[in-house]
Amino acid sequence: MIWKLFYDICVKEASIMKGMYEPVLRLLEANRVMLDAIKSRDPDKIDKAMKFHAEVELPIDRNV
């Protein structure tokens, strides 16, 4: 019974936990891309990074 409870919490709920963290990980990656672009001082690279960041960030805001 304890093993089943542990299994249910760890394995079955893992997909829920993963779903909670995926948007955060995508946003962190977008922020890393933005930081690299700013450090490069390349306006085209910054523009692309801003567009990428907006594409990643906007779906998160719509769900809040």
PDB file of N, CA and C in Angstrom:
ATOM      1  N   MET A   1       0.826  -1.189   0.000  1.00  0.00           N
ATOM      2  CA  MET A   1       0.000   0.000   0.000  1.00  0.00           C
ATOM      3  C   MET A   1       0.878   1.266   0.000  1.00  0.00           C
ATOM      4  N   ILE A   2       1.942   1.261   0.804  1.00  0.00           N
ATOM      5  CA  ILE A   2       2.841   2.419   0.839  1.00  0.00           C
ATOM      6  C   ILE A   2       3.541   2.573  -0.501  1.00  0.00           C
ATOM      7  N   TRP A   3       3.966   1.456  -1.104  1.00  0.00           N
ATOM      8  CA  TRP A   3       4.624   1.510  -2.410  1.00  0.00           C
ATOM      9  C   TRP A   3       3.680   2.070  -3.467  1.00  0.00           C
ATOM     10  N   LYS A   4       2.418   1.657  -3.440  1.00  0.00           N
ATOM     11  CA  LYS A   4       1.441   2.161  -4.415  1.00  0.00           C
ATOM     12  C   LYS A   4       1.252   3.658  -4.240  1.00  0.00           C
ATOM     13  N   LEU A   5       1.159   4.121  -3.019  1.00  0.00           N
ATOM     14  CA  LEU A   5       1.020   5.553  -2.757  1.00  0.00           C
ATOM     15  C   LEU A   5       2.244   6.311  -3.272  1.00  0.00           C
ATOM     16  N   PHE A   6       3.427   5.797  -2.965  1.00  0.00           N
ATOM     17  CA  PHE A   6       4.666   6.405  -3.443  1.00  0.00           C
ATOM     18  C   PHE A   6       4.688   6.436  -4.972  1.00  0.00           C
ATOM     19  N   TYR A   7       4.313   5.318  -5.594  1.00  0.00           N
ATOM     20  CA  TYR A   7       4.272   5.231  -7.054  1.00  0.00           C
ATOM     21  C   TYR A   7       3.306   6.265  -7.625  1.00  0.00           C
ATOM     22  N   ASP A   8       2.121   6.338  -7.047  1.00  0.00           N
ATOM     23  CA  ASP A   8       1.116   7.284  -7.534  1.00  0.00           C
ATOM     24  C   ASP A   8       1.615   8.718  -7.454  1.00  0.00           C
ATOM     25  N   ILE A   9       2.267   9.044  -6.370  1.00  0.00           N
ATOM     26  CA  ILE A   9       2.757  10.418  -6.193  1.00  0.00           C
ATOM     27  C   ILE A   9       3.920  10.704  -7.149  1.00  0.00           C
ATOM     28  N   CYS A  10       4.873   9.808  -7.212  1.00  0.00           N
ATOM     29  CA  CYS A  10       6.099  10.066  -7.978  1.00  0.00           C
ATOM     30  C   CYS A  10       5.931   9.872  -9.478  1.00  0.00           C
ATOM     31  N   VAL A  11       5.264   8.830  -9.876  1.00  0.00           N
ATOM     32  CA  VAL A  11       5.199   8.497 -11.296  1.00  0.00           C
ATOM     33  C   VAL A  11       3.994   9.133 -11.970  1.00  0.00           C
ATOM     34  N   LYS A  12       2.848   8.941 -11.414  1.00  0.00           N
ATOM     35  CA  LYS A  12       1.652   9.473 -12.064  1.00  0.00           C
ATOM     36  C   LYS A  12       1.596  10.987 -12.032  1.00  0.00           C
ATOM     37  N   GLU A  13       2.066  11.586 -10.963  1.00  0.00           N
ATOM     38  CA  GLU A  13       2.008  13.040 -10.838  1.00  0.00           C
ATOM     39  C   GLU A  13       3.198  13.728 -11.509  1.00  0.00           C
ATOM     40  N   ALA A  14       4.159  12.956 -11.954  1.00  0.00           N
ATOM     41  CA  ALA A  14       5.338  13.542 -12.606  1.00  0.00           C
ATOM     42  C   ALA A  14       4.947  14.340 -13.839  1.00  0.00           C
ATOM     43  N   SER A  15       3.959  13.880 -14.576  1.00  0.00           N
ATOM     44  CA  SER A  15       3.547  14.611 -15.776  1.00  0.00           C
ATOM     45  C   SER A  15       2.944  15.959 -15.406  1.00  0.00           C
ATOM     46  N   ILE A  16       2.253  16.020 -14.288  1.00  0.00           N
ATOM     47  CA  ILE A  16       1.690  17.297 -13.837  1.00  0.00           C
ATOM     48  C   ILE A  16       2.822  18.246 -13.459  1.00  0.00           C
ATOM     49  N   MET A  17       3.796  17.729 -12.712  1.00  0.00           N
ATOM     50  CA  MET A  17       4.923  18.558 -12.303  1.00  0.00           C
ATOM     51  C   MET A  17       5.714  19.032 -13.519  1.00  0.00           C
ATOM     52  N   LYS A  18       5.914  18.140 -14.475  1.00  0.00           N
ATOM     53  CA  LYS A  18       6.643  18.503 -15.690  1.00  0.00           C
ATOM     54  C   LYS A  18       5.898  19.616 -16.424  1.00  0.00           C
ATOM     55  N   GLY A  19       4.582  19.507 -16.480  1.00  0.00           N
ATOM     56  CA  GLY A  19       3.780  20.531 -17.140  1.00  0.00           C
ATOM     57  C   GLY A  19       3.887  21.885 -16.467  1.00  0.00           C
ATOM     58  N   MET A  20       4.135  21.875 -15.164  1.00  0.00           N
ATOM     59  CA  MET A  20       4.275  23.138 -14.441  1.00  0.00           C
ATOM     60  C   MET A  20       5.619  23.786 -14.709  1.00  0.00           C
ATOM     61  N   TYR A  21       6.660  22.993 -14.900  1.00  0.00           N
ATOM     62  CA  TYR A  21       8.002  23.533 -15.046  1.00  0.00           C
ATOM     63  C   TYR A  21       8.405  23.810 -16.487  1.00  0.00           C
ATOM     64  N   GLU A  22       7.785  23.172 -17.454  1.00  0.00           N
ATOM     65  CA  GLU A  22       8.171  23.391 -18.852  1.00  0.00           C
ATOM     66  C   GLU A  22       8.080  24.853 -19.270  1.00  0.00           C
ATOM     67  N   PRO A  23       6.994  25.567 -18.949  1.00  0.00           N
ATOM     68  CA  PRO A  23       6.950  26.984 -19.346  1.00  0.00           C
ATOM     69  C   PRO A  23       8.065  27.810 -18.704  1.00  0.00           C
ATOM     70  N   VAL A  24       8.399  27.488 -17.476  1.00  0.00           N
ATOM     71  CA  VAL A  24       9.468  28.214 -16.788  1.00  0.00           C
ATOM     72  C   VAL A  24      10.800  27.949 -17.466  1.00  0.00           C
ATOM     73  N   LEU A  25      11.058  26.704 -17.826  1.00  0.00           N
ATOM     74  CA  LEU A  25      12.312  26.373 -18.505  1.00  0.00           C
ATOM     75  C   LEU A  25      12.404  27.038 -19.870  1.00  0.00           C
ATOM     76  N   ARG A  26      11.275  27.103 -20.589  1.00  0.00           N
ATOM     77  CA  ARG A  26      11.283  27.792 -21.896  1.00  0.00           C
ATOM     78  C   ARG A  26      11.580  29.274 -21.713  1.00  0.00           C
ATOM     79  N   LEU A  27      11.001  29.879 -20.692  1.00  0.00           N
ATOM     80  CA  LEU A  27      11.230  31.303 -20.456  1.00  0.00           C
ATOM     81  C   LEU A  27      12.676  31.563 -20.033  1.00  0.00           C
ATOM     82  N   LEU A  28      13.242  30.680 -19.230  1.00  0.00           N
ATOM     83  CA  LEU A  28      14.653  30.824 -18.865  1.00  0.00           C
ATOM     84  C   LEU A  28      15.551  30.747 -20.097  1.00  0.00           C
ATOM     85  N   GLU A  29      15.237  29.844 -21.005  1.00  0.00           N
ATOM     86  CA  GLU A  29      16.017  29.739 -22.245  1.00  0.00           C
ATOM     87  C   GLU A  29      15.876  31.012 -23.075  1.00  0.00           C
ATOM     88  N   ALA A  30      14.669  31.545 -23.148  1.00  0.00           N
ATOM     89  CA  ALA A  30      14.459  32.788 -23.896  1.00  0.00           C
ATOM     90  C   ALA A  30      15.246  33.928 -23.265  1.00  0.00           C
ATOM     91  N   ASN A  31      15.302  33.963 -21.943  1.00  0.00           N
ATOM     92  CA  ASN A  31      16.080  34.998 -21.265  1.00  0.00           C
ATOM     93  C   ASN A  31      17.571  34.839 -21.533  1.00  0.00           C
ATOM     94  N   ARG A  32      18.048  33.591 -21.596  1.00  0.00           N
ATOM     95  CA  ARG A  32      19.457  33.347 -21.896  1.00  0.00           C
ATOM     96  C   ARG A  32      19.792  33.829 -23.300  1.00  0.00           C
ATOM     97  N   VAL A  33      18.902  33.539 -24.247  1.00  0.00           N
ATOM     98  CA  VAL A  33      19.097  33.980 -25.629  1.00  0.00           C
ATOM     99  C   VAL A  33      19.129  35.508 -25.682  1.00  0.00           C
ATOM    100  N   MET A  34      18.235  36.151 -24.930  1.00  0.00           N
ATOM    101  CA  MET A  34      18.186  37.611 -24.902  1.00  0.00           C
ATOM    102  C   MET A  34      19.477  38.189 -24.316  1.00  0.00           C
ATOM    103  N   LEU A  35      19.951  37.611 -23.231  1.00  0.00           N
ATOM    104  CA  LEU A  35      21.190  38.087 -22.614  1.00  0.00           C
ATOM    105  C   LEU A  35      22.374  37.942 -23.564  1.00  0.00           C
ATOM    106  N   ASP A  36      22.477  36.806 -24.228  1.00  0.00           N
ATOM    107  CA  ASP A  36      23.560  36.599 -25.197  1.00  0.00           C
ATOM    108  C   ASP A  36      23.487  37.623 -26.329  1.00  0.00           C
ATOM    109  N   ALA A  37      22.282  37.915 -26.770  1.00  0.00           N
ATOM    110  CA  ALA A  37      22.110  38.888 -27.846  1.00  0.00           C
ATOM    111  C   ALA A  37      22.530  40.286 -27.394  1.00  0.00           C
ATOM    112  N   ILE A  38      22.135  40.656 -26.189  1.00  0.00           N
ATOM    113  CA  ILE A  38      22.514  41.977 -25.670  1.00  0.00           C
ATOM    114  C   ILE A  38      24.026  42.078 -25.523  1.00  0.00           C
ATOM    115  N   LYS A  39      24.650  41.031 -25.025  1.00  0.00           N
ATOM    116  CA  LYS A  39      26.113  41.027 -24.880  1.00  0.00           C
ATOM    117  C   LYS A  39      26.814  41.162 -26.221  1.00  0.00           C
ATOM    118  N   SER A  40      26.190  40.635 -27.283  1.00  0.00           N
ATOM    119  CA  SER A  40      26.813  40.696 -28.608  1.00  0.00           C
ATOM    120  C   SER A  40      26.758  42.098 -29.210  1.00  0.00           C
ATOM    121  N   ARG A  41      25.841  42.934 -28.729  1.00  0.00           N
ATOM    122  CA  ARG A  41      25.631  44.302 -29.241  1.00  0.00           C
ATOM    123  C   ARG A  41      25.259  44.319 -30.720  1.00  0.00           C
ATOM    124  N   ASP A  42      24.721  43.213 -31.191  1.00  0.00           N
ATOM    125  CA  ASP A  42      24.297  43.088 -32.595  1.00  0.00           C
ATOM    126  C   ASP A  42      22.787  43.364 -32.657  1.00  0.00           C
ATOM    127  N   PRO A  43      22.381  44.497 -33.281  1.00  0.00           N
ATOM    128  CA  PRO A  43      20.961  44.852 -33.308  1.00  0.00           C
ATOM    129  C   PRO A  43      20.067  43.776 -33.935  1.00  0.00           C
ATOM    130  N   ASP A  44      20.544  43.119 -34.979  1.00  0.00           N
ATOM    131  CA  ASP A  44      19.727  42.070 -35.605  1.00  0.00           C
ATOM    132  C   ASP A  44      19.539  40.878 -34.673  1.00  0.00           C
ATOM    133  N   LYS A  45      20.604  40.512 -33.987  1.00  0.00           N
ATOM    134  CA  LYS A  45      20.531  39.396 -33.048  1.00  0.00           C
ATOM    135  C   LYS A  45      19.600  39.747 -31.875  1.00  0.00           C
ATOM    136  N   ILE A  46      19.673  40.984 -31.416  1.00  0.00           N
ATOM    137  CA  ILE A  46      18.797  41.435 -30.328  1.00  0.00           C
ATOM    138  C   ILE A  46      17.347  41.414 -30.778  1.00  0.00           C
ATOM    139  N   ASP A  47      17.084  41.878 -31.993  1.00  0.00           N
ATOM    140  CA  ASP A  47      15.724  41.879 -32.529  1.00  0.00           C
ATOM    141  C   ASP A  47      15.166  40.458 -32.600  1.00  0.00           C
ATOM    142  N   LYS A  48      15.967  39.519 -33.104  1.00  0.00           N
ATOM    143  CA  LYS A  48      15.525  38.125 -33.180  1.00  0.00           C
ATOM    144  C   LYS A  48      15.279  37.549 -31.792  1.00  0.00           C
ATOM    145  N   ALA A  49      16.164  37.888 -30.844  1.00  0.00           N
ATOM    146  CA  ALA A  49      16.003  37.396 -29.474  1.00  0.00           C
ATOM    147  C   ALA A  49      14.738  37.956 -28.838  1.00  0.00           C
ATOM    148  N   MET A  50      14.424  39.215 -29.111  1.00  0.00           N
ATOM    149  CA  MET A  50      13.203  39.823 -28.569  1.00  0.00           C
ATOM    150  C   MET A  50      11.963  39.137 -29.130  1.00  0.00           C
ATOM    151  N   LYS A  51      11.989  38.835 -30.414  1.00  0.00           N
ATOM    152  CA  LYS A  51      10.853  38.140 -31.028  1.00  0.00           C
ATOM    153  C   LYS A  51      10.703  36.741 -30.442  1.00  0.00           C
ATOM    154  N   PHE A  52      11.826  36.038 -30.262  1.00  0.00           N
ATOM    155  CA  PHE A  52      11.797  34.702 -29.663  1.00  0.00           C
ATOM    156  C   PHE A  52      11.243  34.779 -28.237  1.00  0.00           C
ATOM    157  N   HIS A  53      11.698  35.766 -27.481  1.00  0.00           N
ATOM    158  CA  HIS A  53      11.244  35.935 -26.098  1.00  0.00           C
ATOM    159  C   HIS A  53       9.736  36.196 -26.068  1.00  0.00           C
ATOM    160  N   ALA A  54       9.255  37.033 -26.971  1.00  0.00           N
ATOM    161  CA  ALA A  54       7.821  37.337 -27.014  1.00  0.00           C
ATOM    162  C   ALA A  54       7.009  36.096 -27.360  1.00  0.00           C
ATOM    163  N   GLU A  55       7.507  35.278 -28.268  1.00  0.00           N
ATOM    164  CA  GLU A  55       6.796  34.050 -28.642  1.00  0.00           C
ATOM    165  C   GLU A  55       6.719  33.081 -27.466  1.00  0.00           C
ATOM    166  N   VAL A  56       7.755  33.041 -26.662  1.00  0.00           N
ATOM    167  CA  VAL A  56       7.780  32.128 -25.519  1.00  0.00           C
ATOM    168  C   VAL A  56       6.952  32.689 -24.360  1.00  0.00           C
ATOM    169  N   GLU A  57       7.044  33.993 -24.126  1.00  0.00           N
ATOM    170  CA  GLU A  57       6.412  34.605 -22.964  1.00  0.00           C
ATOM    171  C   GLU A  57       4.913  34.760 -23.123  1.00  0.00           C
ATOM    172  N   LEU A  58       4.450  35.111 -24.284  1.00  0.00           N
ATOM    173  CA  LEU A  58       3.036  35.402 -24.454  1.00  0.00           C
ATOM    174  C   LEU A  58       2.107  34.225 -24.130  1.00  0.00           C
ATOM    175  N   PRO A  59       2.426  33.000 -24.530  1.00  0.00           N
ATOM    176  CA  PRO A  59       1.526  31.909 -24.142  1.00  0.00           C
ATOM    177  C   PRO A  59       1.406  31.732 -22.631  1.00  0.00           C
ATOM    178  N   ILE A  60       2.467  32.036 -21.895  1.00  0.00           N
ATOM    179  CA  ILE A  60       2.414  31.904 -20.436  1.00  0.00           C
ATOM    180  C   ILE A  60       1.465  32.960 -19.881  1.00  0.00           C
ATOM    181  N   ASP A  61       1.537  34.189 -20.370  1.00  0.00           N
ATOM    182  CA  ASP A  61       0.685  35.253 -19.872  1.00  0.00           C
ATOM    183  C   ASP A  61      -0.783  35.001 -20.144  1.00  0.00           C
ATOM    184  N   ARG A  62      -1.112  34.399 -21.269  1.00  0.00           N
ATOM    185  CA  ARG A  62      -2.500  34.139 -21.604  1.00  0.00           C
ATOM    186  C   ARG A  62      -3.145  33.135 -20.667  1.00  0.00           C
ATOM    187  N   ASN A  63      -2.344  32.241 -20.098  1.00  0.00           N
ATOM    188  CA  ASN A  63      -2.880  31.193 -19.240  1.00  0.00           C
ATOM    189  C   ASN A  63      -2.979  31.608 -17.774  1.00  0.00           C
ATOM    190  N   VAL A  64      -2.461  32.779 -17.435  1.00  0.00           N
ATOM    191  CA  VAL A  64      -2.452  33.197 -16.026  1.00  0.00           C
ATOM    192  C   VAL A  64      -3.816  33.695 -15.650  1.00  0.00           C
TER     193      VAL A  64
END
